[in-house]
Protein backbone atom coordinates (compact mmCIF):
# COMPACT_ATOMS: atom_id res chain seq x y z
CA MET A 1 91.97 -208.92 17.75
CA ILE A 2 91.61 -205.20 16.95
CA ALA A 3 95.08 -204.48 18.32
CA TYR A 4 96.47 -207.31 16.15
CA LEU A 5 94.88 -205.83 13.00
CA VAL A 6 96.15 -202.35 13.86
CA ALA A 7 99.67 -203.76 14.25
CA ILE A 8 99.44 -205.46 10.84
CA ALA A 9 98.21 -202.22 9.24
CA GLU A 10 101.16 -200.34 10.74
CA VAL A 11 103.61 -202.92 9.36
CA VAL A 12 102.08 -202.57 5.89
CA ARG A 13 102.21 -198.78 6.09
CA ARG A 14 105.87 -198.84 7.09
CA ARG A 15 106.61 -201.29 4.27
CA TRP A 16 105.30 -199.02 1.54
CA ASP A 17 105.44 -195.49 2.93
CA GLY A 18 108.55 -195.77 5.08
CA PRO A 19 108.64 -194.30 8.58
CA ASN A 20 106.27 -191.62 9.73
CA VAL A 21 108.14 -188.52 8.58
CA THR A 22 105.96 -186.24 10.73
CA ALA A 23 107.11 -187.92 13.93
CA PRO A 24 110.12 -186.35 15.66
CA LYS A 25 113.31 -188.22 14.79
CA LYS A 26 116.89 -187.89 15.83
CA GLY A 27 119.59 -188.33 13.20
CA TRP A 28 119.45 -191.79 11.65
CA GLN A 29 117.30 -193.34 14.34
CA VAL A 30 114.53 -193.77 11.78
CA MET A 31 113.44 -197.34 11.23
CA TYR A 32 113.31 -198.75 7.71
CA HIS A 33 111.97 -202.31 7.34
CA GLY A 34 113.32 -203.14 10.79
CA TYR A 35 116.68 -201.58 9.96
CA ALA A 36 118.14 -198.09 9.95
CA PRO A 37 117.73 -196.69 6.40
CA PRO A 38 120.61 -197.08 3.95
CA THR A 39 122.84 -194.13 3.15
CA VAL A 40 124.27 -192.93 -0.16
CA VAL A 41 127.92 -192.08 -0.64
CA LEU A 42 127.65 -188.45 -1.77
CA PRO A 43 130.24 -185.73 -2.45
CA ASP A 44 130.69 -183.05 0.19
CA GLY A 45 128.24 -180.16 0.12
CA ILE A 46 125.38 -182.04 -1.60
CA LYS A 47 121.97 -181.01 -0.25
CA GLY A 48 119.56 -182.10 -3.01
CA ALA A 49 119.18 -184.57 -5.87
CA VAL A 50 117.56 -184.80 -9.30
CA VAL A 51 116.67 -188.29 -10.52
CA ASP A 52 115.82 -189.52 -14.01
CA LEU A 53 112.88 -191.92 -14.44
CA ASP A 54 113.30 -194.22 -17.46
CA ASP A 55 115.87 -196.98 -16.84
CA THR A 56 117.10 -195.17 -13.72
CA VAL A 57 114.10 -195.75 -11.44
CA ALA A 58 111.76 -197.81 -13.62
CA ARG A 59 111.49 -199.52 -16.99
CA ALA A 60 108.19 -198.33 -18.41
CA ARG A 61 108.54 -199.19 -22.11
CA ASP A 62 105.51 -201.50 -22.08
CA VAL A 63 103.38 -198.86 -20.33
CA HIS A 64 104.37 -196.17 -22.83
CA GLY A 65 103.78 -198.47 -25.80
CA ASP A 66 100.38 -199.57 -24.52
CA VAL A 67 99.29 -195.94 -24.13
CA MET A 68 100.31 -195.28 -27.75
CA LEU A 69 98.34 -198.26 -29.05
CA ARG A 70 95.30 -197.22 -27.02
CA ALA A 71 95.56 -193.71 -28.45
CA LEU A 72 95.43 -195.19 -31.96
CA GLU A 73 92.44 -197.36 -31.00
CA LEU A 74 90.70 -194.34 -29.51
CA ALA A 75 91.20 -192.52 -32.82
CA GLY A 76 89.44 -195.36 -34.66
CA VAL A 77 92.54 -196.81 -36.34
CA SER A 78 92.14 -200.48 -37.27
CA LYS A 79 94.31 -203.07 -35.53
CA TRP A 80 96.30 -203.92 -38.64
CA ARG A 81 97.02 -200.26 -39.33
CA ALA A 82 97.95 -199.73 -35.67
CA ALA A 83 100.38 -202.66 -35.93
CA GLU A 84 101.85 -201.13 -39.11
CA ILE A 85 102.34 -197.79 -37.38
CA TRP A 86 103.92 -199.54 -34.40
CA TYR A 87 106.34 -201.52 -36.57
CA HIS A 88 107.38 -198.69 -38.90
CA TRP A 89 107.27 -195.76 -36.49
CA VAL A 90 107.48 -196.66 -32.80
CA ALA A 91 109.95 -199.55 -32.89
CA PRO A 92 112.73 -197.86 -34.95
CA TRP A 93 112.63 -194.67 -32.90
CA TRP A 94 112.04 -196.18 -29.47
CA GLY A 95 114.07 -194.48 -26.77
CA SER A 96 113.96 -191.07 -28.44
CA PRO A 97 112.65 -188.13 -26.39
CA TYR A 98 108.88 -187.68 -26.42
CA ARG A 99 108.89 -184.74 -28.83
CA GLU A 100 111.23 -186.59 -31.17
CA LEU A 101 108.67 -189.41 -31.35
CA ILE A 102 105.95 -186.92 -32.26
CA ARG A 103 108.20 -185.42 -34.94
CA HIS A 104 108.89 -188.82 -36.47
CA ALA A 105 105.16 -189.51 -36.31
CA ALA A 106 104.53 -186.38 -38.35
CA SER A 107 106.94 -187.42 -41.09
CA TYR A 108 105.57 -190.98 -41.12
CA PHE A 109 101.91 -189.96 -41.24
CA ARG A 110 102.59 -187.50 -44.07
CA GLY A 111 104.41 -190.20 -46.06
CA MET A 112 101.51 -192.67 -45.93
CA LYS A 113 99.32 -193.02 -49.02
CA ARG A 114 96.28 -192.49 -46.86
CA CYS A 115 97.06 -190.19 -43.94
CA VAL A 116 95.76 -191.81 -40.75
CA MET A 117 95.59 -188.63 -38.66
CA ARG A 118 97.43 -185.44 -37.91
CA PRO A 119 100.24 -185.82 -35.36
CA SER A 120 98.52 -183.19 -33.20
CA THR A 121 95.39 -185.36 -33.20
CA PHE A 122 97.39 -188.39 -32.14
CA GLU A 123 99.05 -186.37 -29.38
CA ARG A 124 95.64 -185.25 -28.12
CA HIS A 125 94.38 -188.85 -27.98
CA TYR A 126 97.63 -189.94 -26.31
CA HIS A 127 97.18 -187.48 -23.44
CA ARG A 128 93.50 -188.32 -23.17
CA VAL A 129 94.43 -191.98 -22.56
CA LEU A 130 96.95 -190.90 -19.92
CA ARG A 131 94.32 -188.80 -18.13
CA LEU A 132 91.83 -191.69 -18.17
CA ILE A 133 94.42 -194.02 -16.64
CA CYS A 134 95.30 -191.41 -14.00
CA LYS A 135 91.62 -191.11 -13.05
CA GLY A 136 91.24 -194.90 -12.86
CA GLU A 137 88.73 -194.99 -15.72
CA LEU A 138 91.07 -197.16 -17.80
CA PRO A 139 93.02 -200.08 -16.30
CA LEU A 140 96.78 -200.25 -16.66
CA ARG A 141 97.39 -203.33 -18.81
CA TYR A 142 101.18 -203.44 -18.24
CA ALA A 143 103.02 -202.72 -15.02
CA PRO A 144 106.35 -200.86 -14.98
CA GLU A 145 109.38 -202.79 -13.82
CA GLU A 146 111.47 -201.44 -10.98
CA VAL A 147 115.20 -201.00 -11.64
CA PRO A 148 117.22 -203.10 -9.14
CA HIS A 149 118.08 -201.20 -5.93
CA ALA A 150 116.28 -198.06 -7.14
CA ARG A 151 113.84 -198.20 -4.20
CA ASP A 152 116.68 -198.36 -1.68
CA LEU A 153 118.46 -195.51 -3.46
CA LEU A 154 115.36 -193.28 -3.34
CA THR A 155 114.69 -194.12 0.30
CA ALA A 156 118.25 -193.28 1.27
CA LEU A 157 118.18 -190.00 -0.66
CA HIS A 158 114.77 -189.06 0.74
CA TYR A 159 115.91 -189.25 4.37
CA GLN A 160 119.53 -188.27 3.89
CA LEU A 161 118.60 -185.08 2.00
CA ASP A 162 115.47 -184.32 4.05
CA GLY A 163 113.12 -184.89 1.12
CA ARG A 164 114.89 -182.52 -1.31
CA LEU A 165 114.42 -184.85 -4.26
CA VAL A 166 113.12 -184.04 -7.76
CA LEU A 167 112.14 -186.42 -10.56
CA TYR A 168 113.10 -185.03 -13.97
CA SER A 169 111.95 -186.98 -17.03
CA ALA A 170 111.48 -186.54 -20.77
CA SER A 171 108.25 -188.53 -20.50
CA PRO A 172 104.89 -186.72 -20.18
CA TYR A 173 103.93 -185.63 -16.66
CA ASP A 174 100.90 -187.92 -16.42
CA LEU A 175 102.97 -190.94 -17.45
CA CYS A 176 105.51 -190.14 -14.72
CA LYS A 177 102.74 -189.98 -12.14
CA ILE A 178 101.25 -193.29 -13.34
CA VAL A 179 104.59 -195.09 -13.07
CA LEU A 180 105.44 -193.65 -9.64
CA ARG A 181 101.96 -194.43 -8.32
CA LYS A 182 102.12 -198.01 -9.59
CA LEU A 183 105.52 -198.56 -7.95
CA LEU A 184 104.41 -196.76 -4.75
CA LEU A 185 107.26 -194.25 -5.05
CA GLU A 186 105.22 -191.07 -5.42
CA LYS A 187 105.91 -189.90 -1.85
CA ARG A 188 109.65 -190.12 -2.32
CA PHE A 189 109.75 -186.98 -4.51
CA ALA A 190 109.06 -183.39 -3.52
CA HIS A 191 108.53 -182.38 -7.18
CA VAL A 192 108.04 -184.01 -10.58
CA VAL A 193 109.36 -182.09 -13.59
CA SER A 194 108.52 -183.25 -17.11
CA ALA A 195 110.22 -182.04 -20.27
CA HIS A 196 106.70 -182.09 -21.72
CA PRO A 197 104.75 -179.78 -21.66
CA ARG A 198 107.55 -177.46 -20.44
CA LYS A 199 109.47 -178.07 -23.69
CA PHE A 200 112.78 -178.69 -21.96
CA ARG A 201 115.49 -180.71 -23.70
CA LYS A 202 117.45 -182.87 -21.29
CA GLU A 203 120.74 -182.33 -23.12
CA GLU A 204 120.39 -178.60 -22.36
CA PRO A 205 120.85 -177.02 -18.90
CA ASP A 206 117.48 -175.19 -18.68
CA GLY A 207 115.48 -178.10 -17.23
CA TRP A 208 118.20 -179.01 -14.74
CA LEU A 209 118.42 -175.41 -13.55
CA ALA A 210 114.62 -175.36 -13.15
CA CYS A 211 114.92 -178.42 -10.87
CA CYS A 212 117.54 -176.61 -8.79
CA GLU A 213 115.22 -173.62 -8.48
CA LEU A 214 112.45 -175.88 -7.16
CA LEU A 215 114.87 -177.23 -4.56
CA LYS A 216 116.00 -173.65 -3.78
CA LEU A 217 119.60 -174.81 -4.05
CA PRO A 218 122.55 -173.76 -6.23
CA PRO A 219 123.53 -176.33 -8.92
CA GLU A 220 126.81 -177.15 -7.18
CA ALA A 221 124.80 -178.42 -4.17
CA VAL A 222 122.73 -180.82 -6.29
CA VAL A 223 123.62 -184.24 -7.71
CA ALA A 224 121.92 -186.00 -10.62
CA PHE A 225 121.25 -189.74 -10.97
CA THR A 226 120.78 -191.06 -14.49
CA ASP A 227 121.57 -193.79 -17.01
CA SER A 228 121.99 -191.56 -20.08
CA MET A 229 124.88 -189.58 -21.56
CA THR A 230 122.27 -187.10 -22.84
CA ASP A 231 121.39 -186.30 -19.23
CA VAL A 232 125.07 -186.11 -18.29
CA ARG A 233 125.70 -183.37 -20.86
CA GLY A 234 122.72 -181.30 -19.71
CA ALA A 235 123.41 -181.73 -15.99
CA CYS A 236 127.12 -180.93 -16.30
CA ALA A 237 126.35 -177.88 -18.42
CA ALA A 238 124.08 -176.69 -15.58
CA GLY A 239 126.83 -177.27 -13.00
CA LEU A 240 125.46 -180.41 -11.31
CA ARG A 241 127.52 -183.42 -10.35
CA VAL A 242 126.33 -186.75 -11.78
CA TYR A 243 126.13 -190.41 -10.85
CA LEU A 244 125.81 -192.42 -14.07
CA SER A 245 124.67 -196.05 -14.18
CA PRO A 246 124.21 -197.15 -17.82
CA ALA A 247 122.84 -200.47 -19.03
CA PRO A 248 125.47 -203.27 -19.02
CA GLU A 249 125.59 -203.42 -22.82
CA GLN A 250 126.32 -199.67 -22.98
CA VAL A 251 129.12 -199.49 -20.41
CA GLU A 252 132.03 -199.65 -22.88
CA ALA A 253 130.49 -197.06 -25.21
CA VAL A 254 129.80 -194.77 -22.24
CA LYS A 255 133.39 -195.11 -20.99
CA GLN A 256 134.62 -194.14 -24.44
CA GLU A 257 132.36 -191.07 -24.52
CA LEU A 258 133.46 -190.02 -21.04
CA SER A 259 137.11 -190.27 -22.07
CA ASN A 260 136.46 -188.16 -25.17
CA GLU A 261 134.64 -185.37 -23.33
CA ALA A 262 136.11 -183.25 -20.55
CA PHE A 263 133.75 -183.95 -17.64
CA GLY A 264 136.54 -184.46 -15.11
CA SER A 265 135.44 -185.51 -11.64
CA ALA A 266 131.89 -184.18 -12.16
CA VAL A 267 130.72 -187.61 -13.38
CA VAL A 268 130.97 -190.83 -11.37
CA LEU A 269 130.35 -194.07 -13.27
CA VAL A 270 128.76 -196.87 -11.21
CA ASP A 271 127.88 -200.42 -12.25
CA ALA A 272 124.70 -200.56 -10.13
CA TRP A 273 123.00 -198.34 -7.56
CA ASN A 274 123.81 -200.69 -4.68
CA ASN A 275 127.52 -199.91 -5.21
CA ILE A 276 127.01 -196.43 -3.73
CA LEU A 277 124.67 -197.56 -0.93
CA ARG A 278 125.71 -198.38 2.61
CA PHE A 279 123.40 -200.64 4.64
CA PRO A 280 123.66 -200.49 8.46
CA THR A 281 123.64 -203.67 10.49
CA GLU A 282 120.34 -204.85 11.97
CA LEU A 283 119.26 -202.95 15.06
């Protein structure tokens, strides 16, 4: 009976954590869900990868929005006023970088007849809610949604590049950790880099170069995975090559932008992440 339970525990561990990376392994003889792990079709000379979070690995809009509403509640804002702020401020500017949201909050709060709070106060409450969720003192009311085939992509990159994988996001650091922990993907990344509080802008090369420094690799040996043209501009300016997988409704607009800008062969457009994955046959 004990041996049976130990075997079940090992199956569960392999399901979520992947193979035991500390055990000696030879080439691709690592088991992944009963199979050899998938591989990613990468350009020659690639030794590391930088991956975006939002809409590349996970869709965390509901998580982010819930944290904002809880921050307003924590500040003592009534429900009707919180709904007003959500409708007039959050919804129109959703998808903007974190600091852009704070800037729009500042202009909106100043324009109200009765100022609800200073934007810096809201930001303080926002990060306090994130810390409480990280510590487990507040439950997560909405779960992030995993982007199709993102788990297989991260698993393939993790083993193919010997763990040289960095998450780079415009979302706050604590929010990144919450999403990765909820999706059980935290162990796939060697580092997590957030544009906040480091004040990076993803359309500029500084943050991408910082990721390369963490990997101890030159930019030409690193590839980026993203869904955003903003990331493409920053990564290409830093010298990285890029795999771009936009949302289906944005494909035509992205193709037009790529044709207008001289990225050359540095950017590869893919419909879905499984298009660049290769799955071995069952062992």
